[in-house]
Amino acid sequence: MSDLDGQVVAIAGAAGGLGPAVAQTLAGRGATLALGERSQERLDGVVAELGLPADRVDARAVDLLEDGAAEAWAEHLTSRFSRVDALVHLVGGWRGGKPIAESPIEDDEWLHDLLVRTVQIASRAFLPALASAGGRFVLVSSAQAQRPSKTNAAYGAAKAAAEAWTIALADELGESGGTANIVVVNAIVTPRMRAENPDKEYATFTDAEEIADGIAFVLGPSGRKMNGQRLSLHG
């Protein structure tokens, strides 16, 4: 028996830079995976790498910013599996690098949609399922949310808003025995990045596999009393 046996875990952004590593780790812990991503082709690649039996994986193309898409995804999963025990939010992206006065307002809007609205929309859609199961929500965030730099003001502000929403979600889920927590990193090193630059140190980065292990801890039995907290996985 593994510590996530019988748990149905939905992963939003499952085919991004971090998604495959998280999916592999959670599958190895026994979880049944519900993978969501805008591209069905990319999702199919993740599923092929996992090698799970059909009854332990569901992969569905979903754009969380489309009206009703998140609700339809949640309804599909509860219909197929009768429950959803956790939602891991890995939808991400970055724009920045310019001082505040030079940063285009379009970046603010793009980052808000990607990093804040997707969290709000997905958590609302899955809240009934999570509340009924004493379920868990995990957000992967950035140290910029707490210590923003002048060239990452819009990014830091969006991440801070997503964290605030998650802490509020922790307050609501806590009433039913559920949790919502945040895993914080500076930046992510993917296996592909390691393969392409094997001699690079990536001193302030965190390996995708280490982040996946942190998420598994938060979702597992040892994380059951952890609620509304930030788990920092960076130097």
C-alpha atoms as a PDB file:
ATOM      1  CA  MET A   1       0.000   0.000   0.000  1.00  0.00           C
ATOM      2  CA  SER A   2       1.193   3.542  -0.806  1.00  0.00           C
ATOM      3  CA  ASP A   3       0.212   6.672   1.063  1.00  0.00           C
ATOM      4  CA  LEU A   4      -2.046   8.025  -1.712  1.00  0.00           C
ATOM      5  CA  ASP A   5      -3.772   4.767  -2.634  1.00  0.00           C
ATOM      6  CA  GLY A   6      -7.426   5.381  -3.475  1.00  0.00           C
ATOM      7  CA  GLN A   7      -7.002   9.157  -3.690  1.00  0.00           C
ATOM      8  CA  VAL A   8      -8.218  10.952  -6.822  1.00  0.00           C
ATOM      9  CA  VAL A   9      -5.934  13.915  -7.509  1.00  0.00           C
ATOM     10  CA  ALA A  10      -6.733  16.501 -10.189  1.00  0.00           C
ATOM     11  CA  ILE A  11      -3.768  18.383 -11.650  1.00  0.00           C
ATOM     12  CA  ALA A  12      -4.422  21.656 -13.477  1.00  0.00           C
ATOM     13  CA  GLY A  13      -1.585  22.448 -15.858  1.00  0.00           C
ATOM     14  CA  ALA A  14      -0.501  18.816 -15.972  1.00  0.00           C
ATOM     15  CA  ALA A  15       1.547  19.078 -19.171  1.00  0.00           C
ATOM     16  CA  GLY A  16       3.558  22.165 -18.217  1.00  0.00           C
ATOM     17  CA  GLY A  17       7.165  22.225 -17.071  1.00  0.00           C
ATOM     18  CA  LEU A  18       6.357  20.854 -13.629  1.00  0.00           C
ATOM     19  CA  GLY A  19       3.300  18.718 -14.435  1.00  0.00           C
ATOM     20  CA  PRO A  20       4.932  15.493 -15.676  1.00  0.00           C
ATOM     21  CA  ALA A  21       7.209  15.238 -12.623  1.00  0.00           C
ATOM     22  CA  VAL A  22       4.290  15.793 -10.251  1.00  0.00           C
ATOM     23  CA  ALA A  23       2.161  13.271 -12.113  1.00  0.00           C
ATOM     24  CA  GLN A  24       4.939  10.641 -11.986  1.00  0.00           C
ATOM     25  CA  THR A  25       5.513  11.153  -8.266  1.00  0.00           C
ATOM     26  CA  LEU A  26       1.835  11.051  -7.300  1.00  0.00           C
ATOM     27  CA  ALA A  27       1.217   8.027  -9.494  1.00  0.00           C
ATOM     28  CA  GLY A  28       4.115   6.299  -7.763  1.00  0.00           C
ATOM     29  CA  ARG A  29       2.434   7.012  -4.416  1.00  0.00           C
ATOM     30  CA  GLY A  30      -0.699   5.232  -5.604  1.00  0.00           C
ATOM     31  CA  ALA A  31      -2.909   8.180  -6.622  1.00  0.00           C
ATOM     32  CA  THR A  32      -5.471   8.041  -9.395  1.00  0.00           C
ATOM     33  CA  LEU A  33      -4.749  11.037 -11.607  1.00  0.00           C
ATOM     34  CA  ALA A  34      -7.123  13.466 -13.328  1.00  0.00           C
ATOM     35  CA  LEU A  35      -4.972  15.520 -15.677  1.00  0.00           C
ATOM     36  CA  GLY A  36      -6.136  18.845 -17.078  1.00  0.00           C
ATOM     37  CA  GLU A  37      -4.330  20.965 -19.673  1.00  0.00           C
ATOM     38  CA  ARG A  38      -5.283  23.125 -22.654  1.00  0.00           C
ATOM     39  CA  SER A  39      -3.561  20.818 -25.164  1.00  0.00           C
ATOM     40  CA  GLN A  40      -4.897  17.283 -25.503  1.00  0.00           C
ATOM     41  CA  GLU A  41      -1.823  16.343 -27.544  1.00  0.00           C
ATOM     42  CA  ARG A  42       0.534  17.340 -24.742  1.00  0.00           C
ATOM     43  CA  LEU A  43      -1.653  15.558 -22.202  1.00  0.00           C
ATOM     44  CA  ASP A  44      -1.554  12.370 -24.256  1.00  0.00           C
ATOM     45  CA  GLY A  45       2.238  12.524 -24.124  1.00  0.00           C
ATOM     46  CA  VAL A  46       2.177  12.744 -20.330  1.00  0.00           C
ATOM     47  CA  VAL A  47      -0.251   9.823 -20.102  1.00  0.00           C
ATOM     48  CA  ALA A  48       1.948   7.706 -22.364  1.00  0.00           C
ATOM     49  CA  GLU A  49       4.959   8.337 -20.124  1.00  0.00           C
ATOM     50  CA  LEU A  50       3.000   7.427 -16.990  1.00  0.00           C
ATOM     51  CA  GLY A  51       1.988   3.999 -18.258  1.00  0.00           C
ATOM     52  CA  LEU A  52      -0.945   3.787 -15.839  1.00  0.00           C
ATOM     53  CA  PRO A  53      -3.933   1.495 -16.373  1.00  0.00           C
ATOM     54  CA  ALA A  54      -6.975   3.230 -17.793  1.00  0.00           C
ATOM     55  CA  ASP A  55      -8.864   3.112 -14.509  1.00  0.00           C
ATOM     56  CA  ARG A  56      -6.160   5.179 -12.776  1.00  0.00           C
ATOM     57  CA  VAL A  57      -5.885   8.101 -15.172  1.00  0.00           C
ATOM     58  CA  ASP A  58      -8.172  10.610 -16.852  1.00  0.00           C
ATOM     59  CA  ALA A  59      -6.819  13.228 -19.256  1.00  0.00           C
ATOM     60  CA  ARG A  60      -9.033  16.052 -20.448  1.00  0.00           C
ATOM     61  CA  ALA A  61      -8.275  19.173 -22.479  1.00  0.00           C
ATOM     62  CA  VAL A  62      -9.584  22.104 -20.455  1.00  0.00           C
ATOM     63  CA  ASP A  63      -9.028  25.854 -20.668  1.00  0.00           C
ATOM     64  CA  LEU A  64      -9.816  27.176 -17.201  1.00  0.00           C
ATOM     65  CA  LEU A  65     -10.490  30.649 -18.615  1.00  0.00           C
ATOM     66  CA  GLU A  66     -13.337  29.423 -20.811  1.00  0.00           C
ATOM     67  CA  ASP A  67     -16.802  29.897 -19.336  1.00  0.00           C
ATOM     68  CA  GLY A  68     -17.985  26.719 -17.663  1.00  0.00           C
ATOM     69  CA  ALA A  69     -14.904  24.652 -18.552  1.00  0.00           C
ATOM     70  CA  ALA A  70     -13.712  24.139 -14.975  1.00  0.00           C
ATOM     71  CA  GLU A  71     -17.198  23.233 -13.777  1.00  0.00           C
ATOM     72  CA  ALA A  72     -17.587  20.728 -16.618  1.00  0.00           C
ATOM     73  CA  TRP A  73     -14.224  19.185 -15.738  1.00  0.00           C
ATOM     74  CA  ALA A  74     -15.129  18.843 -12.057  1.00  0.00           C
ATOM     75  CA  GLU A  75     -18.527  17.348 -12.911  1.00  0.00           C
ATOM     76  CA  HIS A  76     -16.921  14.874 -15.316  1.00  0.00           C
ATOM     77  CA  LEU A  77     -14.476  13.700 -12.659  1.00  0.00           C
ATOM     78  CA  THR A  78     -17.040  13.336  -9.891  1.00  0.00           C
ATOM     79  CA  SER A  79     -19.224  11.405 -12.302  1.00  0.00           C
ATOM     80  CA  ARG A  80     -16.407   9.066 -13.320  1.00  0.00           C
ATOM     81  CA  PHE A  81     -14.684   8.571  -9.951  1.00  0.00           C
ATOM     82  CA  SER A  82     -17.474   9.545  -7.517  1.00  0.00           C
ATOM     83  CA  ARG A  83     -15.007  11.832  -5.698  1.00  0.00           C
ATOM     84  CA  VAL A  84     -12.085  14.217  -6.058  1.00  0.00           C
ATOM     85  CA  ASP A  85      -9.731  14.245  -3.089  1.00  0.00           C
ATOM     86  CA  ALA A  86      -7.287  16.926  -4.153  1.00  0.00           C
ATOM     87  CA  LEU A  87      -6.636  19.666  -6.694  1.00  0.00           C
ATOM     88  CA  VAL A  88      -3.057  20.675  -7.499  1.00  0.00           C
ATOM     89  CA  HIS A  89      -2.735  23.996  -9.345  1.00  0.00           C
ATOM     90  CA  LEU A  90       0.343  24.082 -11.598  1.00  0.00           C
ATOM     91  CA  VAL A  91      -0.864  26.593 -14.190  1.00  0.00           C
ATOM     92  CA  GLY A  92       1.948  29.109 -14.532  1.00  0.00           C
ATOM     93  CA  GLY A  93       3.816  31.549 -16.702  1.00  0.00           C
ATOM     94  CA  TRP A  94       6.055  34.585 -16.435  1.00  0.00           C
ATOM     95  CA  ARG A  95       6.435  38.033 -17.901  1.00  0.00           C
ATOM     96  CA  GLY A  96       8.702  40.683 -16.467  1.00  0.00           C
ATOM     97  CA  GLY A  97      12.257  41.910 -16.476  1.00  0.00           C
ATOM     98  CA  LYS A  98      11.506  45.621 -16.756  1.00  0.00           C
ATOM     99  CA  PRO A  99      11.266  48.294 -14.045  1.00  0.00           C
ATOM    100  CA  ILE A 100       7.769  49.260 -12.924  1.00  0.00           C
ATOM    101  CA  ALA A 101       7.484  52.398 -15.083  1.00  0.00           C
ATOM    102  CA  GLU A 102       8.483  50.478 -18.194  1.00  0.00           C
ATOM    103  CA  SER A 103       6.402  47.355 -17.581  1.00  0.00           C
ATOM    104  CA  PRO A 104       3.457  47.193 -20.034  1.00  0.00           C
ATOM    105  CA  ILE A 105      -0.014  47.111 -18.529  1.00  0.00           C
ATOM    106  CA  GLU A 106      -0.823  44.191 -20.833  1.00  0.00           C
ATOM    107  CA  ASP A 107       1.559  42.051 -18.772  1.00  0.00           C
ATOM    108  CA  ASP A 108      -0.479  42.824 -15.640  1.00  0.00           C
ATOM    109  CA  GLU A 109      -3.655  41.651 -17.306  1.00  0.00           C
ATOM    110  CA  TRP A 110      -2.081  38.527 -18.813  1.00  0.00           C
ATOM    111  CA  LEU A 111      -0.497  37.501 -15.506  1.00  0.00           C
ATOM    112  CA  HIS A 112      -3.710  38.154 -13.563  1.00  0.00           C
ATOM    113  CA  ASP A 113      -5.677  35.892 -15.881  1.00  0.00           C
ATOM    114  CA  LEU A 114      -3.074  33.124 -15.836  1.00  0.00           C
ATOM    115  CA  LEU A 115      -2.005  33.179 -12.191  1.00  0.00           C
ATOM    116  CA  VAL A 116      -5.035  34.513 -10.315  1.00  0.00           C
ATOM    117  CA  ARG A 117      -8.208  33.873 -12.281  1.00  0.00           C
ATOM    118  CA  THR A 118      -7.324  30.240 -13.001  1.00  0.00           C
ATOM    119  CA  VAL A 119      -6.865  29.667  -9.255  1.00  0.00           C
ATOM    120  CA  GLN A 120     -10.181  31.329  -8.462  1.00  0.00           C
ATOM    121  CA  ILE A 121     -12.108  29.549 -11.201  1.00  0.00           C
ATOM    122  CA  ALA A 122     -10.655  26.084 -10.558  1.00  0.00           C
ATOM    123  CA  SER A 123     -11.008  26.226  -6.776  1.00  0.00           C
ATOM    124  CA  ARG A 124     -14.614  27.401  -7.023  1.00  0.00           C
ATOM    125  CA  ALA A 125     -15.448  24.591  -9.434  1.00  0.00           C
ATOM    126  CA  PHE A 126     -13.865  21.882  -7.267  1.00  0.00           C
ATOM    127  CA  LEU A 127     -14.848  23.282  -3.874  1.00  0.00           C
ATOM    128  CA  PRO A 128     -18.007  21.133  -3.427  1.00  0.00           C
ATOM    129  CA  ALA A 129     -16.071  17.938  -4.186  1.00  0.00           C
ATOM    130  CA  LEU A 130     -13.145  18.896  -1.975  1.00  0.00           C
ATOM    131  CA  ALA A 131     -15.364  19.955   0.905  1.00  0.00           C
ATOM    132  CA  SER A 132     -17.338  16.717   0.797  1.00  0.00           C
ATOM    133  CA  ALA A 133     -14.159  14.624   0.809  1.00  0.00           C
ATOM    134  CA  GLY A 134     -12.187  16.650   3.368  1.00  0.00           C
ATOM    135  CA  GLY A 135      -9.990  17.296   0.370  1.00  0.00           C
ATOM    136  CA  ARG A 136      -6.844  19.261  -0.275  1.00  0.00           C
ATOM    137  CA  PHE A 137      -5.758  22.104  -2.528  1.00  0.00           C
ATOM    138  CA  VAL A 138      -2.126  22.880  -3.366  1.00  0.00           C
ATOM    139  CA  LEU A 139      -0.829  25.982  -5.122  1.00  0.00           C
ATOM    140  CA  VAL A 140       2.728  26.232  -6.432  1.00  0.00           C
ATOM    141  CA  SER A 141       3.870  29.816  -5.957  1.00  0.00           C
ATOM    142  CA  SER A 142       6.960  31.985  -6.073  1.00  0.00           C
ATOM    143  CA  ALA A 143       9.108  33.709  -3.468  1.00  0.00           C
ATOM    144  CA  GLN A 144       8.341  36.888  -5.454  1.00  0.00           C
ATOM    145  CA  ALA A 145       4.913  36.918  -3.803  1.00  0.00           C
ATOM    146  CA  GLN A 146       6.492  37.737  -0.448  1.00  0.00           C
ATOM    147  CA  ARG A 147       9.655  39.513  -1.631  1.00  0.00           C
ATOM    148  CA  PRO A 148       8.894  41.113  -5.005  1.00  0.00           C
ATOM    149  CA  SER A 149      11.607  42.836  -7.007  1.00  0.00           C
ATOM    150  CA  LYS A 150      11.146  45.972  -9.080  1.00  0.00           C
ATOM    151  CA  THR A 151      11.465  44.016 -12.327  1.00  0.00           C
ATOM    152  CA  ASN A 152       8.829  41.486 -11.257  1.00  0.00           C
ATOM    153  CA  ALA A 153       6.174  43.755  -9.766  1.00  0.00           C
ATOM    154  CA  ALA A 154       3.264  42.458 -11.852  1.00  0.00           C
ATOM    155  CA  TYR A 155       4.328  38.843 -11.453  1.00  0.00           C
ATOM    156  CA  GLY A 156       4.839  39.199  -7.710  1.00  0.00           C
ATOM    157  CA  ALA A 157       1.501  40.960  -7.295  1.00  0.00           C
ATOM    158  CA  ALA A 158      -0.326  38.212  -9.181  1.00  0.00           C
ATOM    159  CA  LYS A 159       1.357  35.476  -7.160  1.00  0.00           C
ATOM    160  CA  ALA A 160       0.547  37.326  -3.927  1.00  0.00           C
ATOM    161  CA  ALA A 161      -3.112  37.527  -4.930  1.00  0.00           C
ATOM    162  CA  ALA A 162      -3.174  33.802  -5.715  1.00  0.00           C
ATOM    163  CA  GLU A 163      -1.621  33.069  -2.320  1.00  0.00           C
ATOM    164  CA  ALA A 164      -4.174  35.258  -0.532  1.00  0.00           C
ATOM    165  CA  TRP A 165      -6.985  33.378  -2.288  1.00  0.00           C
ATOM    166  CA  THR A 166      -5.445  30.064  -1.226  1.00  0.00           C
ATOM    167  CA  ILE A 167      -5.216  31.130   2.411  1.00  0.00           C
ATOM    168  CA  ALA A 168      -8.879  32.149   2.292  1.00  0.00           C
ATOM    169  CA  LEU A 169      -9.695  28.773   0.732  1.00  0.00           C
ATOM    170  CA  ALA A 170      -7.872  27.131   3.647  1.00  0.00           C
ATOM    171  CA  ASP A 171     -10.220  28.914   6.013  1.00  0.00           C
ATOM    172  CA  GLU A 172     -13.251  27.543   4.166  1.00  0.00           C
ATOM    173  CA  LEU A 173     -11.961  24.015   3.597  1.00  0.00           C
ATOM    174  CA  GLY A 174     -10.829  23.747   7.199  1.00  0.00           C
ATOM    175  CA  GLU A 175     -14.464  23.677   8.285  1.00  0.00           C
ATOM    176  CA  SER A 176     -14.865  20.277   6.579  1.00  0.00           C
ATOM    177  CA  GLY A 177     -11.472  18.863   7.534  1.00  0.00           C
ATOM    178  CA  GLY A 178      -9.866  19.862   4.235  1.00  0.00           C
ATOM    179  CA  THR A 179      -6.733  21.898   3.640  1.00  0.00           C
ATOM    180  CA  ALA A 180      -5.246  24.425   1.248  1.00  0.00           C
ATOM    181  CA  ASN A 181      -1.517  25.081   1.215  1.00  0.00           C
ATOM    182  CA  ILE A 182       1.190  26.737  -0.852  1.00  0.00           C
ATOM    183  CA  VAL A 183       4.492  25.312  -2.068  1.00  0.00           C
ATOM    184  CA  VAL A 184       6.951  28.168  -2.657  1.00  0.00           C
ATOM    185  CA  VAL A 185       9.977  28.109  -4.978  1.00  0.00           C
ATOM    186  CA  ASN A 186      12.228  30.646  -6.687  1.00  0.00           C
ATOM    187  CA  ALA A 187      12.325  28.899 -10.045  1.00  0.00           C
ATOM    188  CA  ILE A 188      11.997  25.361 -11.358  1.00  0.00           C
ATOM    189  CA  VAL A 189      14.618  23.097 -12.911  1.00  0.00           C
ATOM    190  CA  THR A 190      12.993  20.531 -15.178  1.00  0.00           C
ATOM    191  CA  PRO A 191      14.654  17.248 -16.241  1.00  0.00           C
ATOM    192  CA  ARG A 192      14.980  18.691 -19.741  1.00  0.00           C
ATOM    193  CA  MET A 193      16.875  21.720 -18.412  1.00  0.00           C
ATOM    194  CA  ARG A 194      19.245  19.413 -16.513  1.00  0.00           C
ATOM    195  CA  ALA A 195      19.818  17.303 -19.615  1.00  0.00           C
ATOM    196  CA  GLU A 196      20.532  20.329 -21.801  1.00  0.00           C
ATOM    197  CA  ASN A 197      22.865  21.985 -19.259  1.00  0.00           C
ATOM    198  CA  PRO A 198      24.292  19.193 -17.062  1.00  0.00           C
ATOM    199  CA  ASP A 199      27.120  21.352 -15.688  1.00  0.00           C
ATOM    200  CA  LYS A 200      24.983  24.347 -14.719  1.00  0.00           C
ATOM    201  CA  GLU A 201      24.497  24.773 -10.962  1.00  0.00           C
ATOM    202  CA  TYR A 202      21.014  26.375 -10.868  1.00  0.00           C
ATOM    203  CA  ALA A 203      21.903  27.485  -7.335  1.00  0.00           C
ATOM    204  CA  THR A 204      18.623  29.270  -6.546  1.00  0.00           C
ATOM    205  CA  PHE A 205      16.394  26.843  -8.460  1.00  0.00           C
ATOM    206  CA  THR A 206      14.493  23.798  -7.175  1.00  0.00           C
ATOM    207  CA  ASP A 207      14.364  20.511  -9.084  1.00  0.00           C
ATOM    208  CA  ALA A 208      10.928  19.527 -10.357  1.00  0.00           C
ATOM    209  CA  GLU A 209      11.238  16.177  -8.588  1.00  0.00           C
ATOM    210  CA  GLU A 210      11.851  17.895  -5.243  1.00  0.00           C
ATOM    211  CA  ILE A 211       8.784  20.065  -5.729  1.00  0.00           C
ATOM    212  CA  ALA A 212       6.774  16.965  -6.603  1.00  0.00           C
ATOM    213  CA  ASP A 213       7.931  15.327  -3.374  1.00  0.00           C
ATOM    214  CA  GLY A 214       6.832  18.418  -1.436  1.00  0.00           C
ATOM    215  CA  ILE A 215       3.387  18.294  -3.021  1.00  0.00           C
ATOM    216  CA  ALA A 216       3.111  14.580  -2.222  1.00  0.00           C
ATOM    217  CA  PHE A 217       3.931  15.340   1.416  1.00  0.00           C
ATOM    218  CA  VAL A 218       1.211  18.002   1.620  1.00  0.00           C
ATOM    219  CA  LEU A 219      -1.324  15.593   0.086  1.00  0.00           C
ATOM    220  CA  GLY A 220      -0.284  12.602   2.159  1.00  0.00           C
ATOM    221  CA  PRO A 221      -1.151  11.499   5.705  1.00  0.00           C
ATOM    222  CA  SER A 222       1.679  13.510   7.269  1.00  0.00           C
ATOM    223  CA  GLY A 223       0.225  16.722   5.844  1.00  0.00           C
ATOM    224  CA  ARG A 224      -3.292  16.288   7.183  1.00  0.00           C
ATOM    225  CA  LYS A 225      -2.935  18.995   9.882  1.00  0.00           C
ATOM    226  CA  MET A 226      -1.082  21.440   7.638  1.00  0.00           C
ATOM    227  CA  ASN A 227      -3.542  24.128   6.543  1.00  0.00           C
ATOM    228  CA  GLY A 228      -3.085  27.671   5.287  1.00  0.00           C
ATOM    229  CA  GLN A 229       0.706  27.278   5.308  1.00  0.00           C
ATOM    230  CA  ARG A 230       3.609  27.987   2.979  1.00  0.00           C
ATOM    231  CA  LEU A 231       6.111  25.194   2.422  1.00  0.00           C
ATOM    232  CA  SER A 232       9.309  26.880   1.212  1.00  0.00           C
ATOM    233  CA  LEU A 233      11.463  24.770  -1.089  1.00  0.00           C
ATOM    234  CA  HIS A 234      14.079  27.332  -2.022  1.00  0.00           C
ATOM    235  CA  GLY A 235      17.310  28.827  -0.707  1.00  0.00           C
END
